[in-house]
Amino acid sequence: MADDLVDDFILNDVPSDTEEPKRKKRKKKRISEEPKIVIEDNEDPKEDFLDKLDDFFKHNLSSIEREAMNFGEGSFLTSNINHKTLSDYLKEIMTDWDKLINDKTKSKKGSPFIIVLASSALRAVDLNREANDFKTKKCKTAKLFAKHMKLKDQSQFLEKNDIHFAVGTPNRVSSLLELGSLQTGQLKAIVIDWYWKDLKQRKIVNIPETRKDLFVLFQKHFSSCLGTDQLDTKIALF
């Protein structure tokens, strides 16, 4: 639910010599429940991501361990600097999508080509809907967040089904990777919902719990499949 913000502004009428100032209270203002997307045009999203990643681990990892996650330019796909919808953005960065979907030899159980990471279950639902024009009817989707299915049920679903596209929260994605039911062997793009802000104007890397889940996910599970001379998995900042 959206937060209610009460603005108690005091408006003072101009007083006469004999009158005391009158005070009026404005009505309560309810902030819109519709989340906002704020684009910071002067920001280099790749550098910002790497700076925040390094800052998060600077007191917890050795310099060698941090260097292992210092992904270069080749680890990133084009960022969504043109403010496209998710479907249009995915069409831009995943030009071989139809080929991947139609090649049955590429599909594997619990091993998506794309994982989209969102800051909340509700946002993940919105992104999944927004990606419909891109996914096509043949695309098999996994919804990886707590409010959709229990962890055990999601794990069993992944173990039994070929998956092309997954959308979820960092915490649940990490848990499923720990269980081994979610795999990264076919992963082409890790799409981070980078620009979107919640009602408190926080991005996915500004919410303490989500920031931790996101960066630990990269440390434990994604760093090994990123890099120009490793697998061809790339980071995409949407």
Protein backbone atom coordinates (compact mmCIF):
# COMPACT_ATOMS: atom_id res chain seq x y z
CA MET A 1 0.00 0.00 0.00
CA ALA A 2 1.13 3.50 -0.67
CA ASP A 3 2.15 5.68 2.23
CA ASP A 4 -0.12 8.50 3.28
CA LEU A 5 1.59 11.80 3.70
CA VAL A 6 -0.11 14.50 5.71
CA ASP A 7 0.95 18.02 4.92
CA ASP A 8 -0.07 20.31 7.76
CA PHE A 9 0.62 23.66 6.23
CA ILE A 10 -0.32 26.77 8.26
CA LEU A 11 -1.66 29.62 6.16
CA ASN A 12 -1.68 32.98 7.90
CA ASP A 13 -4.18 35.61 6.75
CA VAL A 14 -2.91 39.14 6.84
CA PRO A 15 -3.99 40.36 10.31
CA SER A 16 -5.55 43.71 11.12
CA ASP A 17 -4.50 45.69 14.17
CA THR A 18 -7.28 44.17 16.23
CA GLU A 19 -7.54 40.65 14.83
CA GLU A 20 -5.44 37.67 15.74
CA PRO A 21 -4.02 35.76 12.78
CA LYS A 22 -6.41 33.15 11.44
CA ARG A 23 -5.00 29.73 10.79
CA LYS A 24 -6.25 27.38 8.13
CA LYS A 25 -5.26 23.78 7.71
CA ARG A 26 -5.12 22.24 4.31
CA LYS A 27 -6.81 18.96 3.67
CA LYS A 28 -4.78 15.79 3.85
CA LYS A 29 -3.00 15.04 0.63
CA ARG A 30 -2.72 11.43 -0.43
CA ILE A 31 0.30 10.58 -2.47
CA SER A 32 -0.46 8.67 -5.63
CA GLU A 33 -0.18 4.92 -5.40
CA GLU A 34 1.33 4.89 -8.86
CA PRO A 35 5.11 4.42 -8.58
CA LYS A 36 7.41 6.76 -10.43
CA ILE A 37 10.26 6.33 -12.82
CA VAL A 38 12.86 9.04 -12.50
CA ILE A 39 15.58 9.23 -15.11
CA GLU A 40 18.84 10.80 -14.02
CA ASP A 41 20.17 12.04 -17.34
CA ASN A 42 23.64 12.99 -16.10
CA GLU A 43 24.31 9.62 -14.55
CA ASP A 44 26.44 6.92 -16.13
CA PRO A 45 24.43 3.87 -14.98
CA LYS A 46 27.27 1.39 -15.50
CA GLU A 47 29.73 3.41 -13.44
CA ASP A 48 27.10 4.04 -10.79
CA PHE A 49 26.35 0.33 -10.50
CA LEU A 50 30.03 -0.57 -10.19
CA ASP A 51 30.69 2.22 -7.67
CA LYS A 52 27.83 1.07 -5.47
CA LEU A 53 28.89 -2.56 -5.76
CA ASP A 54 32.45 -1.72 -4.73
CA ASP A 55 31.29 0.54 -1.91
CA PHE A 56 29.04 -2.20 -0.51
CA PHE A 57 31.86 -4.75 -0.31
CA LYS A 58 34.81 -2.53 0.56
CA HIS A 59 34.67 -3.47 4.26
CA ASN A 60 33.65 -7.10 3.75
CA LEU A 61 35.83 -8.46 0.96
CA SER A 62 39.52 -8.39 0.20
CA SER A 63 40.79 -6.30 -2.69
CA ILE A 64 41.33 -9.47 -4.71
CA GLU A 65 37.75 -10.61 -4.14
CA ARG A 66 36.47 -7.18 -5.09
CA GLU A 67 38.60 -7.15 -8.23
CA ALA A 68 36.90 -10.36 -9.30
CA MET A 69 33.63 -8.43 -9.42
CA ASN A 70 35.06 -5.37 -11.16
CA PHE A 71 33.21 -6.11 -14.36
CA GLY A 72 34.45 -4.23 -17.41
CA GLU A 73 32.62 -2.54 -20.25
CA GLY A 74 32.24 -5.90 -21.96
CA SER A 75 30.09 -7.14 -19.07
CA PHE A 76 27.28 -4.71 -19.89
CA LEU A 77 24.65 -4.42 -22.56
CA THR A 78 23.39 -1.01 -23.65
CA SER A 79 21.59 0.72 -20.77
CA ASN A 80 18.07 2.05 -21.13
CA ILE A 81 19.18 5.66 -21.61
CA ASN A 82 16.42 6.26 -24.17
CA HIS A 83 13.73 5.48 -21.59
CA LYS A 84 12.07 2.70 -23.60
CA THR A 85 9.42 0.34 -22.30
CA LEU A 86 10.70 -3.02 -21.09
CA SER A 87 9.45 -4.83 -24.19
CA ASP A 88 11.10 -2.34 -26.56
CA TYR A 89 14.30 -2.35 -24.51
CA LEU A 90 14.52 -6.15 -24.52
CA LYS A 91 13.94 -6.20 -28.29
CA GLU A 92 16.91 -3.86 -28.63
CA ILE A 93 19.36 -5.84 -26.50
CA MET A 94 18.17 -9.40 -27.29
CA THR A 95 18.23 -9.46 -31.07
CA ASP A 96 18.54 -13.26 -31.18
CA TRP A 97 15.52 -13.86 -28.94
CA ASP A 98 13.33 -15.58 -31.56
CA LYS A 99 16.17 -17.91 -32.44
CA LEU A 100 16.71 -18.84 -28.79
CA ILE A 101 13.01 -19.45 -28.17
CA ASN A 102 12.56 -21.60 -31.26
CA ASP A 103 15.68 -23.73 -30.74
CA LYS A 104 14.47 -26.59 -28.56
CA THR A 105 18.02 -27.78 -27.99
CA LYS A 106 18.75 -24.52 -26.12
CA SER A 107 15.88 -24.85 -23.65
CA LYS A 108 16.70 -26.45 -20.32
CA LYS A 109 14.77 -26.99 -17.13
CA GLY A 110 15.11 -24.11 -14.69
CA SER A 111 17.64 -22.32 -16.90
CA PRO A 112 16.29 -19.02 -18.29
CA PHE A 113 17.88 -16.86 -20.97
CA ILE A 114 16.83 -13.67 -19.16
CA ILE A 115 16.39 -12.86 -15.47
CA VAL A 116 14.76 -9.53 -14.60
CA LEU A 117 15.44 -8.32 -11.05
CA ALA A 118 12.97 -5.99 -9.32
CA SER A 119 12.88 -4.42 -5.86
CA SER A 120 9.51 -5.92 -4.88
CA ALA A 121 6.99 -8.57 -5.84
CA LEU A 122 4.50 -5.95 -7.03
CA ARG A 123 7.08 -4.33 -9.25
CA ALA A 124 8.04 -7.75 -10.63
CA VAL A 125 4.39 -8.35 -11.57
CA ASP A 126 4.29 -5.02 -13.42
CA LEU A 127 7.52 -5.77 -15.28
CA ASN A 128 6.33 -9.22 -16.28
CA ARG A 129 3.20 -7.68 -17.76
CA GLU A 130 5.21 -4.96 -19.47
CA ALA A 131 7.40 -7.58 -21.16
CA ASN A 132 4.50 -9.43 -22.80
CA ASP A 133 5.01 -7.90 -26.24
CA PHE A 134 8.61 -9.07 -26.21
CA LYS A 135 8.19 -12.58 -24.82
CA THR A 136 5.89 -14.02 -27.52
CA LYS A 137 3.49 -16.93 -26.96
CA LYS A 138 6.19 -19.60 -27.01
CA CYS A 139 8.05 -18.02 -24.10
CA LYS A 140 7.84 -19.91 -20.82
CA THR A 141 8.03 -17.60 -17.81
CA ALA A 142 8.96 -18.18 -14.17
CA LYS A 143 7.76 -15.71 -11.53
CA LEU A 144 10.32 -15.79 -8.76
CA PHE A 145 9.06 -13.78 -5.82
CA ALA A 146 7.59 -14.59 -2.43
CA LYS A 147 3.98 -13.54 -2.92
CA HIS A 148 3.42 -15.73 -5.97
CA MET A 149 4.44 -19.20 -4.79
CA LYS A 150 6.19 -20.79 -1.86
CA LEU A 151 9.89 -21.43 -2.26
CA LYS A 152 9.40 -25.21 -2.36
CA ASP A 153 6.71 -24.94 -5.04
CA GLN A 154 8.83 -22.61 -7.16
CA SER A 155 11.79 -24.97 -6.85
CA GLN A 156 9.69 -27.92 -8.02
CA PHE A 157 8.27 -25.87 -10.90
CA LEU A 158 11.77 -24.98 -12.12
CA GLU A 159 12.97 -28.58 -11.86
CA LYS A 160 10.10 -29.78 -14.06
CA ASN A 161 9.88 -27.04 -16.70
CA ASP A 162 11.95 -25.44 -19.42
CA ILE A 163 12.21 -21.73 -18.69
CA HIS A 164 13.03 -18.90 -21.10
CA PHE A 165 12.26 -15.79 -19.08
CA ALA A 166 12.31 -15.19 -15.31
CA VAL A 167 11.33 -12.17 -13.27
CA GLY A 168 11.72 -11.85 -9.53
CA THR A 169 13.34 -10.30 -6.49
CA PRO A 170 17.04 -10.74 -5.65
CA ASN A 171 16.31 -12.59 -2.41
CA ARG A 172 14.09 -15.25 -3.97
CA VAL A 173 16.33 -15.64 -7.02
CA SER A 174 19.31 -16.17 -4.73
CA SER A 175 17.43 -18.77 -2.66
CA LEU A 176 16.49 -20.76 -5.76
CA LEU A 177 20.06 -20.64 -7.05
CA GLU A 178 21.23 -21.93 -3.67
CA LEU A 179 18.83 -24.86 -3.99
CA GLY A 180 20.11 -25.61 -7.48
CA SER A 181 16.67 -25.59 -9.06
CA LEU A 182 17.44 -22.30 -10.83
CA GLN A 183 20.43 -22.45 -13.18
CA THR A 184 22.61 -19.83 -14.92
CA GLY A 185 24.04 -22.05 -17.66
CA GLN A 186 21.84 -20.53 -20.38
CA LEU A 187 21.71 -17.01 -18.98
CA LYS A 188 22.24 -14.24 -21.54
CA ALA A 189 21.04 -11.14 -19.71
CA ILE A 190 20.63 -10.09 -16.08
CA VAL A 191 18.24 -7.15 -16.33
CA ILE A 192 18.20 -4.86 -13.29
CA ASP A 193 15.23 -2.54 -12.82
CA TRP A 194 17.70 0.29 -12.35
CA TYR A 195 15.88 3.57 -12.90
CA TRP A 196 12.56 2.86 -11.21
CA LYS A 197 11.90 4.49 -7.82
CA ASP A 198 9.34 3.58 -5.18
CA LEU A 199 7.06 6.00 -3.36
CA LYS A 200 9.91 7.02 -1.10
CA GLN A 201 12.03 7.79 -4.16
CA ARG A 202 14.35 4.84 -3.56
CA LYS A 203 15.92 2.77 -6.31
CA ILE A 204 16.69 -0.94 -6.00
CA VAL A 205 20.17 -0.05 -4.74
CA ASN A 206 18.88 2.49 -2.20
CA ILE A 207 16.60 0.13 -0.25
CA PRO A 208 18.92 -1.40 2.40
CA GLU A 209 17.57 -4.96 2.32
CA THR A 210 17.22 -5.09 -1.44
CA ARG A 211 20.67 -3.58 -2.02
CA LYS A 212 22.24 -6.28 0.14
CA ASP A 213 20.29 -9.07 -1.58
CA LEU A 214 21.22 -7.74 -5.02
CA PHE A 215 24.95 -7.40 -4.44
CA VAL A 216 25.29 -10.69 -2.54
CA LEU A 217 23.47 -12.34 -5.44
CA PHE A 218 26.11 -10.99 -7.81
CA GLN A 219 28.94 -12.01 -5.52
CA LYS A 220 27.77 -15.58 -4.94
CA HIS A 221 26.08 -16.50 -8.19
CA PHE A 222 26.53 -14.07 -11.07
CA SER A 223 30.17 -13.00 -10.91
CA SER A 224 31.33 -16.38 -12.22
CA CYS A 225 29.31 -16.06 -15.43
CA LEU A 226 30.15 -12.42 -16.21
CA GLY A 227 33.13 -11.05 -18.07
CA THR A 228 34.37 -10.79 -21.62
CA ASP A 229 36.52 -13.94 -21.47
CA GLN A 230 34.03 -16.08 -19.57
CA LEU A 231 30.44 -16.90 -20.50
CA ASP A 232 28.47 -14.42 -22.58
CA THR A 233 26.13 -13.36 -19.78
CA LYS A 234 25.72 -9.58 -19.63
CA ILE A 235 24.27 -7.00 -17.22
CA ALA A 236 21.49 -4.78 -18.55
CA LEU A 237 20.40 -1.68 -16.64
CA PHE A 238 16.78 -0.92 -17.46
